[in-house]
C-alpha atoms as a PDB file:
ATOM      1  CA  UNK A   1     -18.382  26.706  -9.946  1.00  0.00           C
ATOM      2  CA  UNK A   2     -21.552  28.095  -8.414  1.00  0.00           C
ATOM      3  CA  UNK A   3     -24.608  26.152  -9.476  1.00  0.00           C
ATOM      4  CA  UNK A   4     -22.632  23.464 -11.307  1.00  0.00           C
ATOM      5  CA  UNK A   5     -22.943  19.733 -10.602  1.00  0.00           C
ATOM      6  CA  UNK A   6     -19.767  18.042  -9.355  1.00  0.00           C
ATOM      7  CA  UNK A   7     -18.917  14.389  -9.897  1.00  0.00           C
ATOM      8  CA  UNK A   8     -17.853  12.357  -6.864  1.00  0.00           C
ATOM      9  CA  UNK A   9     -17.138   8.749  -5.913  1.00  0.00           C
ATOM     10  CA  UNK A  10     -19.014   8.464  -2.618  1.00  0.00           C
ATOM     11  CA  UNK A  11     -20.936  10.966  -0.547  1.00  0.00           C
ATOM     12  CA  UNK A  12     -18.540  11.897   2.247  1.00  0.00           C
ATOM     13  CA  UNK A  13     -18.191  15.447   3.577  1.00  0.00           C
ATOM     14  CA  UNK A  14     -15.502  17.346   5.507  1.00  0.00           C
ATOM     15  CA  UNK A  15     -15.412  19.064   8.887  1.00  0.00           C
ATOM     16  CA  UNK A  16     -13.293  22.136   9.651  1.00  0.00           C
ATOM     17  CA  UNK A  17     -12.533  22.540  13.359  1.00  0.00           C
ATOM     18  CA  UNK A  18     -10.785  25.389  15.168  1.00  0.00           C
ATOM     19  CA  UNK A  19     -10.746  29.146  14.759  1.00  0.00           C
ATOM     20  CA  UNK A  20      -9.315  29.194  11.233  1.00  0.00           C
ATOM     21  CA  UNK A  21     -11.467  30.887   8.557  1.00  0.00           C
ATOM     22  CA  UNK A  22     -12.356  28.602   5.654  1.00  0.00           C
ATOM     23  CA  UNK A  23     -13.683  29.472   2.212  1.00  0.00           C
ATOM     24  CA  UNK A  24     -16.134  26.698   1.302  1.00  0.00           C
ATOM     25  CA  UNK A  25     -15.856  25.924  -2.427  1.00  0.00           C
ATOM     26  CA  UNK A  26     -18.204  22.939  -2.806  1.00  0.00           C
ATOM     27  CA  UNK A  27     -21.237  21.794  -0.818  1.00  0.00           C
ATOM     28  CA  UNK A  28     -23.413  18.719  -1.158  1.00  0.00           C
ATOM     29  CA  UNK A  29     -27.180  18.875  -1.722  1.00  0.00           C
ATOM     30  CA  UNK A  30     -27.747  19.248   2.035  1.00  0.00           C
ATOM     31  CA  UNK A  31     -25.388  22.223   2.278  1.00  0.00           C
ATOM     32  CA  UNK A  32     -22.559  20.300   3.987  1.00  0.00           C
ATOM     33  CA  UNK A  33     -18.985  21.238   2.945  1.00  0.00           C
ATOM     34  CA  UNK A  34     -17.186  18.931   0.531  1.00  0.00           C
ATOM     35  CA  UNK A  35     -14.227  21.148  -0.442  1.00  0.00           C
ATOM     36  CA  UNK A  36     -12.791  24.238   1.268  1.00  0.00           C
ATOM     37  CA  UNK A  37      -9.571  26.249   1.358  1.00  0.00           C
ATOM     38  CA  UNK A  38      -7.822  28.544   3.803  1.00  0.00           C
ATOM     39  CA  UNK A  39      -4.631  30.588   4.109  1.00  0.00           C
ATOM     40  CA  UNK A  40      -1.679  29.088   5.986  1.00  0.00           C
ATOM     41  CA  UNK A  41       1.302  31.398   6.366  1.00  0.00           C
ATOM     42  CA  UNK A  42       2.326  32.476   2.871  1.00  0.00           C
ATOM     43  CA  UNK A  43       0.515  29.576   1.237  1.00  0.00           C
ATOM     44  CA  UNK A  44      -2.928  28.013   0.899  1.00  0.00           C
ATOM     45  CA  UNK A  45      -4.398  24.757   2.157  1.00  0.00           C
ATOM     46  CA  UNK A  46      -7.107  22.845   0.267  1.00  0.00           C
ATOM     47  CA  UNK A  47      -9.258  20.323   2.154  1.00  0.00           C
ATOM     48  CA  UNK A  48     -11.442  17.983   0.123  1.00  0.00           C
ATOM     49  CA  UNK A  49     -13.111  14.591   0.172  1.00  0.00           C
ATOM     50  CA  UNK A  50     -11.145  11.895  -1.642  1.00  0.00           C
ATOM     51  CA  UNK A  51     -14.029  11.054  -3.993  1.00  0.00           C
ATOM     52  CA  UNK A  52     -13.769  14.336  -5.894  1.00  0.00           C
ATOM     53  CA  UNK A  53     -10.268  13.416  -7.115  1.00  0.00           C
ATOM     54  CA  UNK A  54     -11.205   9.982  -8.472  1.00  0.00           C
ATOM     55  CA  UNK A  55     -10.162   6.485  -7.438  1.00  0.00           C
ATOM     56  CA  UNK A  56      -6.639   6.152  -8.822  1.00  0.00           C
ATOM     57  CA  UNK A  57      -3.729   6.871  -6.397  1.00  0.00           C
ATOM     58  CA  UNK A  58      -1.852   8.687  -9.183  1.00  0.00           C
ATOM     59  CA  UNK A  59      -4.951  10.774 -10.087  1.00  0.00           C
ATOM     60  CA  UNK A  60      -4.850   9.562 -13.692  1.00  0.00           C
ATOM     61  CA  UNK A  61      -8.628   9.249 -13.965  1.00  0.00           C
ATOM     62  CA  UNK A  62     -10.080  12.427 -15.515  1.00  0.00           C
ATOM     63  CA  UNK A  63     -12.900  13.058 -13.012  1.00  0.00           C
ATOM     64  CA  UNK A  64     -13.398  16.837 -12.602  1.00  0.00           C
ATOM     65  CA  UNK A  65     -10.094  17.511 -14.389  1.00  0.00           C
ATOM     66  CA  UNK A  66     -11.533  20.483 -16.287  1.00  0.00           C
ATOM     67  CA  UNK A  67     -11.829  22.567 -13.111  1.00  0.00           C
ATOM     68  CA  UNK A  68      -9.763  20.699 -10.505  1.00  0.00           C
ATOM     69  CA  UNK A  69      -6.436  21.032 -12.352  1.00  0.00           C
ATOM     70  CA  UNK A  70      -6.744  24.824 -12.786  1.00  0.00           C
ATOM     71  CA  UNK A  71      -7.757  25.122  -9.116  1.00  0.00           C
ATOM     72  CA  UNK A  72      -4.603  23.289  -7.979  1.00  0.00           C
ATOM     73  CA  UNK A  73      -2.495  25.454 -10.268  1.00  0.00           C
ATOM     74  CA  UNK A  74      -4.086  28.553  -8.751  1.00  0.00           C
ATOM     75  CA  UNK A  75      -3.325  27.319  -5.229  1.00  0.00           C
ATOM     76  CA  UNK A  76       0.346  26.956  -6.126  1.00  0.00           C
ATOM     77  CA  UNK A  77       0.423  30.278  -7.975  1.00  0.00           C
ATOM     78  CA  UNK A  78       2.745  32.931  -6.579  1.00  0.00           C
ATOM     79  CA  UNK A  79       4.978  30.419  -4.804  1.00  0.00           C
ATOM     80  CA  UNK A  80       8.667  31.188  -5.333  1.00  0.00           C
ATOM     81  CA  UNK A  81      10.582  28.252  -6.795  1.00  0.00           C
ATOM     82  CA  UNK A  82      14.366  28.177  -7.038  1.00  0.00           C
ATOM     83  CA  UNK A  83      15.360  25.552  -9.650  1.00  0.00           C
ATOM     84  CA  UNK A  84      18.903  25.447  -8.209  1.00  0.00           C
ATOM     85  CA  UNK A  85      17.670  24.459  -4.742  1.00  0.00           C
ATOM     86  CA  UNK A  86      17.028  20.768  -4.156  1.00  0.00           C
ATOM     87  CA  UNK A  87      13.763  19.802  -2.393  1.00  0.00           C
ATOM     88  CA  UNK A  88      14.124  19.107   1.305  1.00  0.00           C
ATOM     89  CA  UNK A  89      13.253  15.632   2.564  1.00  0.00           C
ATOM     90  CA  UNK A  90      11.012  15.419   5.606  1.00  0.00           C
ATOM     91  CA  UNK A  91      11.644  12.217   7.539  1.00  0.00           C
ATOM     92  CA  UNK A  92       9.241  10.755  10.072  1.00  0.00           C
ATOM     93  CA  UNK A  93       9.683  11.958  13.644  1.00  0.00           C
ATOM     94  CA  UNK A  94      10.039   8.432  15.027  1.00  0.00           C
ATOM     95  CA  UNK A  95      12.056   5.564  13.567  1.00  0.00           C
ATOM     96  CA  UNK A  96      11.768   2.281  15.431  1.00  0.00           C
ATOM     97  CA  UNK A  97      13.509  -0.949  14.468  1.00  0.00           C
ATOM     98  CA  UNK A  98      12.003  -4.360  15.116  1.00  0.00           C
ATOM     99  CA  UNK A  99      14.497  -6.986  13.986  1.00  0.00           C
ATOM    100  CA  UNK A 100      15.284  -6.201  10.378  1.00  0.00           C
ATOM    101  CA  UNK A 101      12.193  -4.010   9.904  1.00  0.00           C
ATOM    102  CA  UNK A 102      12.305  -0.216  10.168  1.00  0.00           C
ATOM    103  CA  UNK A 103       9.044   1.438  11.226  1.00  0.00           C
ATOM    104  CA  UNK A 104       8.565   5.171  10.583  1.00  0.00           C
ATOM    105  CA  UNK A 105       5.770   7.201  12.101  1.00  0.00           C
ATOM    106  CA  UNK A 106       4.871  10.516  13.692  1.00  0.00           C
ATOM    107  CA  UNK A 107       5.401  10.759  17.438  1.00  0.00           C
ATOM    108  CA  UNK A 108       1.706  10.761  18.311  1.00  0.00           C
ATOM    109  CA  UNK A 109       1.247   7.481  16.407  1.00  0.00           C
ATOM    110  CA  UNK A 110       4.023   5.691  18.292  1.00  0.00           C
ATOM    111  CA  UNK A 111       1.557   3.653  20.437  1.00  0.00           C
ATOM    112  CA  UNK A 112      -0.028   2.373  17.206  1.00  0.00           C
ATOM    113  CA  UNK A 113       3.323   1.198  15.846  1.00  0.00           C
ATOM    114  CA  UNK A 114       3.659  -1.629  18.338  1.00  0.00           C
ATOM    115  CA  UNK A 115       0.110  -2.871  17.698  1.00  0.00           C
ATOM    116  CA  UNK A 116       0.514  -2.797  13.935  1.00  0.00           C
ATOM    117  CA  UNK A 117       3.885  -4.537  14.168  1.00  0.00           C
ATOM    118  CA  UNK A 118       2.282  -7.400  16.135  1.00  0.00           C
ATOM    119  CA  UNK A 119      -0.208  -7.895  13.288  1.00  0.00           C
ATOM    120  CA  UNK A 120       2.505  -7.512  10.651  1.00  0.00           C
ATOM    121  CA  UNK A 121       4.644 -10.155  12.393  1.00  0.00           C
ATOM    122  CA  UNK A 122       1.715 -12.607  12.371  1.00  0.00           C
ATOM    123  CA  UNK A 123       0.887 -11.879   8.732  1.00  0.00           C
ATOM    124  CA  UNK A 124       4.316 -12.363   7.141  1.00  0.00           C
ATOM    125  CA  UNK A 125       4.910 -16.109   7.748  1.00  0.00           C
ATOM    126  CA  UNK A 126       1.321 -16.890   6.732  1.00  0.00           C
ATOM    127  CA  UNK A 127       1.660 -14.771   3.605  1.00  0.00           C
ATOM    128  CA  UNK A 128       4.914 -16.517   2.722  1.00  0.00           C
ATOM    129  CA  UNK A 129       3.102 -19.849   2.966  1.00  0.00           C
ATOM    130  CA  UNK A 130       0.203 -18.546   0.831  1.00  0.00           C
ATOM    131  CA  UNK A 131       2.556 -17.211  -1.853  1.00  0.00           C
ATOM    132  CA  UNK A 132       5.011 -20.103  -1.683  1.00  0.00           C
ATOM    133  CA  UNK A 133       8.165 -17.947  -1.755  1.00  0.00           C
ATOM    134  CA  UNK A 134       9.824 -15.386   0.536  1.00  0.00           C
ATOM    135  CA  UNK A 135       9.677 -11.694  -0.387  1.00  0.00           C
ATOM    136  CA  UNK A 136      11.980 -10.683  -3.216  1.00  0.00           C
ATOM    137  CA  UNK A 137      15.448  -9.665  -2.066  1.00  0.00           C
ATOM    138  CA  UNK A 138      15.569  -6.140  -0.616  1.00  0.00           C
ATOM    139  CA  UNK A 139      11.796  -5.789  -0.371  1.00  0.00           C
ATOM    140  CA  UNK A 140       9.708  -5.016   2.746  1.00  0.00           C
ATOM    141  CA  UNK A 141      12.510  -3.342   4.674  1.00  0.00           C
ATOM    142  CA  UNK A 142      10.503  -0.320   5.855  1.00  0.00           C
ATOM    143  CA  UNK A 143       6.988   0.126   7.206  1.00  0.00           C
ATOM    144  CA  UNK A 144       5.600   3.677   7.142  1.00  0.00           C
ATOM    145  CA  UNK A 145       2.515   4.510   9.204  1.00  0.00           C
ATOM    146  CA  UNK A 146       0.354   7.128   7.500  1.00  0.00           C
ATOM    147  CA  UNK A 147      -1.902   9.402   9.599  1.00  0.00           C
ATOM    148  CA  UNK A 148      -4.984   8.556   7.561  1.00  0.00           C
ATOM    149  CA  UNK A 149      -7.772   6.029   7.280  1.00  0.00           C
ATOM    150  CA  UNK A 150      -7.390   5.749   3.508  1.00  0.00           C
ATOM    151  CA  UNK A 151      -5.417   2.822   2.136  1.00  0.00           C
ATOM    152  CA  UNK A 152      -1.675   2.638   1.669  1.00  0.00           C
ATOM    153  CA  UNK A 153       1.103   2.228  -0.900  1.00  0.00           C
ATOM    154  CA  UNK A 154       4.084   0.077  -1.798  1.00  0.00           C
ATOM    155  CA  UNK A 155       7.358   1.202  -3.319  1.00  0.00           C
ATOM    156  CA  UNK A 156       8.784  -2.305  -3.121  1.00  0.00           C
ATOM    157  CA  UNK A 157      11.311  -1.717  -0.373  1.00  0.00           C
ATOM    158  CA  UNK A 158       8.813   0.232   1.753  1.00  0.00           C
ATOM    159  CA  UNK A 159       5.091  -0.129   2.333  1.00  0.00           C
ATOM    160  CA  UNK A 160       2.819   2.541   3.783  1.00  0.00           C
ATOM    161  CA  UNK A 161      -0.282   1.746   5.817  1.00  0.00           C
ATOM    162  CA  UNK A 162      -3.205   4.060   6.589  1.00  0.00           C
ATOM    163  CA  UNK A 163      -3.204   3.719  10.368  1.00  0.00           C
ATOM    164  CA  UNK A 164      -6.974   3.927  10.832  1.00  0.00           C
ATOM    165  CA  UNK A 165      -7.894   1.796   7.805  1.00  0.00           C
ATOM    166  CA  UNK A 166     -10.982  -0.360   8.346  1.00  0.00           C
ATOM    167  CA  UNK A 167     -11.666   1.069  11.804  1.00  0.00           C
ATOM    168  CA  UNK A 168      -8.284   0.082  13.289  1.00  0.00           C
ATOM    169  CA  UNK A 169      -7.464  -0.368  16.167  1.00  0.00           C
ATOM    170  CA  UNK A 170     -11.061  -1.141  17.191  1.00  0.00           C
ATOM    171  CA  UNK A 171     -11.389  -3.516  14.220  1.00  0.00           C
ATOM    172  CA  UNK A 172      -8.494  -5.692  13.048  1.00  0.00           C
ATOM    173  CA  UNK A 173      -9.543  -7.405   9.807  1.00  0.00           C
ATOM    174  CA  UNK A 174      -9.047  -4.313   7.631  1.00  0.00           C
ATOM    175  CA  UNK A 175      -5.442  -3.917   8.781  1.00  0.00           C
ATOM    176  CA  UNK A 176      -4.720  -7.603   8.078  1.00  0.00           C
ATOM    177  CA  UNK A 177      -6.108  -7.234   4.553  1.00  0.00           C
ATOM    178  CA  UNK A 178      -4.238  -3.962   3.984  1.00  0.00           C
ATOM    179  CA  UNK A 179      -0.912  -5.451   5.101  1.00  0.00           C
ATOM    180  CA  UNK A 180      -1.491  -8.407   2.788  1.00  0.00           C
ATOM    181  CA  UNK A 181      -2.411  -6.112  -0.099  1.00  0.00           C
ATOM    182  CA  UNK A 182       0.577  -3.778   0.147  1.00  0.00           C
ATOM    183  CA  UNK A 183       3.054  -6.545   0.982  1.00  0.00           C
ATOM    184  CA  UNK A 184       1.933  -8.445  -2.137  1.00  0.00           C
ATOM    185  CA  UNK A 185       2.908  -5.453  -4.284  1.00  0.00           C
ATOM    186  CA  UNK A 186       6.418  -5.824  -2.859  1.00  0.00           C
ATOM    187  CA  UNK A 187       6.370  -9.631  -3.095  1.00  0.00           C
ATOM    188  CA  UNK A 188       5.750  -9.779  -6.853  1.00  0.00           C
ATOM    189  CA  UNK A 189       8.977  -8.009  -7.842  1.00  0.00           C
ATOM    190  CA  UNK A 190      11.022  -7.892 -10.029  1.00  0.00           C
ATOM    191  CA  UNK A 191       7.927  -7.954 -12.285  1.00  0.00           C
ATOM    192  CA  UNK A 192       4.559  -6.455 -11.338  1.00  0.00           C
ATOM    193  CA  UNK A 193       1.438  -8.380 -12.320  1.00  0.00           C
ATOM    194  CA  UNK A 194       0.048  -7.237 -15.711  1.00  0.00           C
ATOM    195  CA  UNK A 195      -3.446  -8.805 -15.461  1.00  0.00           C
ATOM    196  CA  UNK A 196      -4.384  -8.469 -11.820  1.00  0.00           C
ATOM    197  CA  UNK A 197      -2.009  -6.116 -10.035  1.00  0.00           C
ATOM    198  CA  UNK A 198      -4.571  -4.646  -7.616  1.00  0.00           C
ATOM    199  CA  UNK A 199      -7.021  -7.551  -7.694  1.00  0.00           C
ATOM    200  CA  UNK A 200      -4.508 -10.198  -6.653  1.00  0.00           C
ATOM    201  CA  UNK A 201      -3.122  -7.936  -3.916  1.00  0.00           C
ATOM    202  CA  UNK A 202      -6.537  -7.592  -2.279  1.00  0.00           C
ATOM    203  CA  UNK A 203      -7.210 -11.295  -2.872  1.00  0.00           C
ATOM    204  CA  UNK A 204      -4.058 -12.225  -0.946  1.00  0.00           C
ATOM    205  CA  UNK A 205      -5.175  -9.876   1.846  1.00  0.00           C
ATOM    206  CA  UNK A 206      -8.507 -11.717   1.916  1.00  0.00           C
ATOM    207  CA  UNK A 207      -6.659 -15.049   2.055  1.00  0.00           C
ATOM    208  CA  UNK A 208      -4.697 -13.759   5.049  1.00  0.00           C
ATOM    209  CA  UNK A 209      -7.948 -12.841   6.760  1.00  0.00           C
ATOM    210  CA  UNK A 210      -9.339 -16.321   6.082  1.00  0.00           C
ATOM    211  CA  UNK A 211      -6.321 -17.951   7.719  1.00  0.00           C
ATOM    212  CA  UNK A 212      -5.819 -15.575  10.649  1.00  0.00           C
ATOM    213  CA  UNK A 213      -9.251 -15.923  12.246  1.00  0.00           C
ATOM    214  CA  UNK A 214     -11.280 -13.371  10.268  1.00  0.00           C
ATOM    215  CA  UNK A 215     -13.036 -15.778   7.918  1.00  0.00           C
ATOM    216  CA  UNK A 216     -16.472 -14.142   8.225  1.00  0.00           C
ATOM    217  CA  UNK A 217     -15.138 -10.674   7.362  1.00  0.00           C
ATOM    218  CA  UNK A 218     -12.946 -12.079   4.577  1.00  0.00           C
ATOM    219  CA  UNK A 219     -15.793 -14.019   2.944  1.00  0.00           C
ATOM    220  CA  UNK A 220     -18.084 -10.994   3.183  1.00  0.00           C
ATOM    221  CA  UNK A 221     -15.450  -8.773   1.573  1.00  0.00           C
ATOM    222  CA  UNK A 222     -14.849 -11.208  -1.298  1.00  0.00           C
ATOM    223  CA  UNK A 223     -18.579 -11.688  -1.898  1.00  0.00           C
ATOM    224  CA  UNK A 224     -19.075  -7.914  -1.939  1.00  0.00           C
ATOM    225  CA  UNK A 225     -16.372  -7.400  -4.572  1.00  0.00           C
ATOM    226  CA  UNK A 226     -17.700 -10.165  -6.814  1.00  0.00           C
ATOM    227  CA  UNK A 227     -21.294  -8.972  -6.460  1.00  0.00           C
ATOM    228  CA  UNK A 228     -20.193  -5.482  -7.503  1.00  0.00           C
ATOM    229  CA  UNK A 229     -18.327  -6.835 -10.540  1.00  0.00           C
ATOM    230  CA  UNK A 230     -21.294  -8.944 -11.671  1.00  0.00           C
ATOM    231  CA  UNK A 231     -23.399  -5.797 -12.035  1.00  0.00           C
ATOM    232  CA  UNK A 232     -21.164  -4.928 -14.997  1.00  0.00           C
ATOM    233  CA  UNK A 233     -20.009  -8.378 -16.075  1.00  0.00           C
ATOM    234  CA  UNK A 234     -22.636 -10.977 -14.996  1.00  0.00           C
ATOM    235  CA  UNK A 235     -20.884 -13.990 -16.563  1.00  0.00           C
ATOM    236  CA  UNK A 236     -17.314 -12.687 -16.122  1.00  0.00           C
ATOM    237  CA  UNK A 237     -16.890 -12.845 -19.899  1.00  0.00           C
ATOM    238  CA  UNK A 238     -17.410  -9.256 -21.003  1.00  0.00           C
ATOM    239  CA  UNK A 239     -14.332  -7.227 -20.038  1.00  0.00           C
ATOM    240  CA  UNK A 240     -10.815  -7.828 -21.301  1.00  0.00           C
ATOM    241  CA  UNK A 241      -8.370  -7.452 -18.405  1.00  0.00           C
ATOM    242  CA  UNK A 242      -5.470  -7.611 -20.855  1.00  0.00           C
ATOM    243  CA  UNK A 243      -6.748  -4.565 -22.775  1.00  0.00           C
ATOM    244  CA  UNK A 244      -7.139  -2.524 -19.586  1.00  0.00           C
ATOM    245  CA  UNK A 245      -9.323   0.247 -21.048  1.00  0.00           C
ATOM    246  CA  UNK A 246     -12.723   1.512 -19.899  1.00  0.00           C
ATOM    247  CA  UNK A 247     -13.182  -1.306 -17.389  1.00  0.00           C
ATOM    248  CA  UNK A 248     -15.261  -0.567 -14.258  1.00  0.00           C
ATOM    249  CA  UNK A 249     -13.146  -0.478 -11.112  1.00  0.00           C
ATOM    250  CA  UNK A 250     -15.120  -3.266  -9.463  1.00  0.00           C
ATOM    251  CA  UNK A 251     -14.404  -5.539 -12.454  1.00  0.00           C
ATOM    252  CA  UNK A 252     -10.694  -4.671 -12.477  1.00  0.00           C
ATOM    253  CA  UNK A 253     -10.568  -5.725  -8.838  1.00  0.00           C
ATOM    254  CA  UNK A 254     -13.004  -8.630  -8.633  1.00  0.00           C
ATOM    255  CA  UNK A 255     -12.730 -10.488 -11.936  1.00  0.00           C
ATOM    256  CA  UNK A 256      -9.171 -11.541 -10.965  1.00  0.00           C
ATOM    257  CA  UNK A 257     -10.468 -12.606  -7.527  1.00  0.00           C
ATOM    258  CA  UNK A 258     -13.173 -14.689  -9.200  1.00  0.00           C
ATOM    259  CA  UNK A 259     -10.588 -16.291 -11.518  1.00  0.00           C
ATOM    260  CA  UNK A 260      -8.321 -17.209  -8.612  1.00  0.00           C
ATOM    261  CA  UNK A 261     -11.273 -18.591  -6.652  1.00  0.00           C
ATOM    262  CA  UNK A 262     -12.168 -20.922  -9.553  1.00  0.00           C
ATOM    263  CA  UNK A 263      -8.584 -22.140  -9.746  1.00  0.00           C
ATOM    264  CA  UNK A 264      -8.298 -22.512  -5.962  1.00  0.00           C
ATOM    265  CA  UNK A 265     -11.288 -24.894  -5.917  1.00  0.00           C
ATOM    266  CA  UNK A 266      -9.314 -27.212  -8.191  1.00  0.00           C
ATOM    267  CA  UNK A 267      -5.848 -26.528  -6.745  1.00  0.00           C
ATOM    268  CA  UNK A 268      -5.994 -25.106  -3.178  1.00  0.00           C
ATOM    269  CA  UNK A 269      -2.357 -23.959  -3.222  1.00  0.00           C
ATOM    270  CA  UNK A 270      -2.542 -22.372  -6.695  1.00  0.00           C
ATOM    271  CA  UNK A 271      -1.177 -19.028  -5.472  1.00  0.00           C
ATOM    272  CA  UNK A 272       1.933 -20.698  -4.054  1.00  0.00           C
ATOM    273  CA  UNK A 273       2.376 -22.781  -7.193  1.00  0.00           C
ATOM    274  CA  UNK A 274       2.038 -19.680  -9.379  1.00  0.00           C
ATOM    275  CA  UNK A 275       4.555 -17.547  -7.509  1.00  0.00           C
ATOM    276  CA  UNK A 276       7.065 -20.387  -7.245  1.00  0.00           C
ATOM    277  CA  UNK A 277       6.804 -20.890 -11.004  1.00  0.00           C
ATOM    278  CA  UNK A 278       7.030 -17.151 -11.651  1.00  0.00           C
ATOM    279  CA  UNK A 279      10.120 -16.781  -9.448  1.00  0.00           C
ATOM    280  CA  UNK A 280      11.755 -19.591 -11.432  1.00  0.00           C
ATOM    281  CA  UNK A 281      10.648 -18.717 -14.978  1.00  0.00           C
ATOM    282  CA  UNK A 282      10.308 -14.915 -15.050  1.00  0.00           C
ATOM    283  CA  UNK A 283      14.026 -14.158 -15.089  1.00  0.00           C
ATOM    284  CA  UNK A 284      15.089 -10.553 -15.666  1.00  0.00           C
ATOM    285  CA  UNK A 285      18.021 -11.825 -17.729  1.00  0.00           C
ATOM    286  CA  UNK A 286      15.619 -13.416 -20.187  1.00  0.00           C
ATOM    287  CA  UNK A 287      12.542 -11.149 -20.015  1.00  0.00           C
ATOM    288  CA  UNK A 288      12.579  -7.379 -20.462  1.00  0.00           C
ATOM    289  CA  UNK A 289       8.951  -7.171 -19.345  1.00  0.00           C
ATOM    290  CA  UNK A 290       6.330  -9.530 -17.931  1.00  0.00           C
ATOM    291  CA  UNK A 291       3.203  -9.513 -20.085  1.00  0.00           C
ATOM    292  CA  UNK A 292      -0.352 -10.806 -19.702  1.00  0.00           C
ATOM    293  CA  UNK A 293       0.614 -13.636 -22.066  1.00  0.00           C
ATOM    294  CA  UNK A 294       3.558 -14.533 -19.802  1.00  0.00           C
ATOM    295  CA  UNK A 295       1.416 -14.519 -16.659  1.00  0.00           C
ATOM    296  CA  UNK A 296      -1.145 -16.949 -18.130  1.00  0.00           C
ATOM    297  CA  UNK A 297       1.702 -19.174 -19.363  1.00  0.00           C
ATOM    298  CA  UNK A 298       3.196 -19.268 -15.856  1.00  0.00           C
ATOM    299  CA  UNK A 299      -0.235 -19.858 -14.334  1.00  0.00           C
ATOM    300  CA  UNK A 300      -0.766 -22.739 -16.786  1.00  0.00           C
ATOM    301  CA  UNK A 301       2.392 -24.409 -15.477  1.00  0.00           C
ATOM    302  CA  UNK A 302       1.216 -23.836 -11.911  1.00  0.00           C
ATOM    303  CA  UNK A 303      -2.184 -25.363 -12.691  1.00  0.00           C
ATOM    304  CA  UNK A 304      -0.712 -28.238 -14.670  1.00  0.00           C
ATOM    305  CA  UNK A 305      -2.842 -27.534 -17.758  1.00  0.00           C
ATOM    306  CA  UNK A 306      -2.974 -24.972 -20.559  1.00  0.00           C
ATOM    307  CA  UNK A 307      -5.271 -22.118 -19.471  1.00  0.00           C
ATOM    308  CA  UNK A 308      -5.152 -19.946 -22.589  1.00  0.00           C
ATOM    309  CA  UNK A 309      -8.450 -21.157 -24.053  1.00  0.00           C
ATOM    310  CA  UNK A 310     -10.180 -20.705 -20.688  1.00  0.00           C
ATOM    311  CA  UNK A 311      -8.919 -17.123 -20.375  1.00  0.00           C
ATOM    312  CA  UNK A 312      -9.980 -16.426 -23.955  1.00  0.00           C
ATOM    313  CA  UNK A 313     -13.466 -17.748 -23.125  1.00  0.00           C
ATOM    314  CA  UNK A 314     -13.559 -15.109 -20.365  1.00  0.00           C
ATOM    315  CA  UNK A 315     -12.964 -12.380 -22.950  1.00  0.00           C
ATOM    316  CA  UNK A 316      -9.295 -11.903 -22.058  1.00  0.00           C
ATOM    317  CA  UNK A 317      -7.063 -11.442 -25.115  1.00  0.00           C
ATOM    318  CA  UNK A 318      -4.024 -13.592 -24.304  1.00  0.00           C
ATOM    319  CA  UNK A 319      -2.098 -15.603 -26.894  1.00  0.00           C
ATOM    320  CA  UNK A 320       0.206 -18.588 -26.348  1.00  0.00           C
ATOM    321  CA  UNK A 321       2.331 -17.555 -29.380  1.00  0.00           C
ATOM    322  CA  UNK A 322       3.226 -14.239 -27.715  1.00  0.00           C
ATOM    323  CA  UNK A 323       5.163 -15.707 -24.788  1.00  0.00           C
ATOM    324  CA  UNK A 324       8.479 -17.520 -24.489  1.00  0.00           C
ATOM    325  CA  UNK A 325       7.345 -19.297 -21.311  1.00  0.00           C
ATOM    326  CA  UNK A 326       7.007 -23.013 -22.198  1.00  0.00           C
ATOM    327  CA  UNK A 327       3.694 -24.863 -22.170  1.00  0.00           C
ATOM    328  CA  UNK A 328       3.001 -27.165 -19.196  1.00  0.00           C
ATOM    329  CA  UNK A 329       4.108 -30.747 -19.641  1.00  0.00           C
ATOM    330  CA  UNK A 330       1.285 -33.045 -20.748  1.00  0.00           C
ATOM    331  CA  UNK A 331       0.178 -35.560 -18.143  1.00  0.00           C
END
């Protein structure tokens, strides 16, 4: 890779401390390391900035795939694999229970668990009021603290939180937004959101921040997302969220936020109305999957007016004839 340009989202670098010998693979223009590897026992360890692997948690975006995939295969090369031997599960060192919630973390993060639980406990009743319904049955049973500052995940039953996200514990807003984001992914079950899965999750986190005393940070975050989206879609009419192809990340995130903001001006509790309607109408016995057409139909009932033409005017290809959800009753 010597002399070749490398794509990256962001300009962060890495730092290798200790006596271990590292082989630096990629440097930035100033000569600072961006990717390096070293030997650990019988294996190899690769350390890299997140931006080189793309933005998607499942690494589905093709950034640097032509050389990164072979590199990862080379790192795993020579490792003995026994197909008859099941993988071993590595549980967290510490498991603490607060009421009905199980918190898992490494021992050195135990002091953080209590602080994060205090925030989590404040967030949940407010989030239930924002979304109008309790979490789906069986969801949000486990909270996993991740030793990282980068985001989190939701599997439905469990959510993971990057412990140092947003400068936590020195700063609190980022953790409030992250809890709201990941909890929303659990809240929406049994059907994930087809039009705004990530956008609505962050939007709910922003709403939590607004209501829990972080209004300045929340408004700044929302304005930043929308400003970024308008660089690609100035009138919010260009990109089709229902198509989901070749859409800039900022638009995927912020166009849904902008849509919900417009609806919230007219109906302040629109999120609660939407999720109450969805919980009632999106029945797994009747629907095999929840489509973009279904979500706009449910949102129309929540808003009390048919929203299909409005969504179509925003360049979003939804069709009333492609859903079995009934139209809202005429006033």
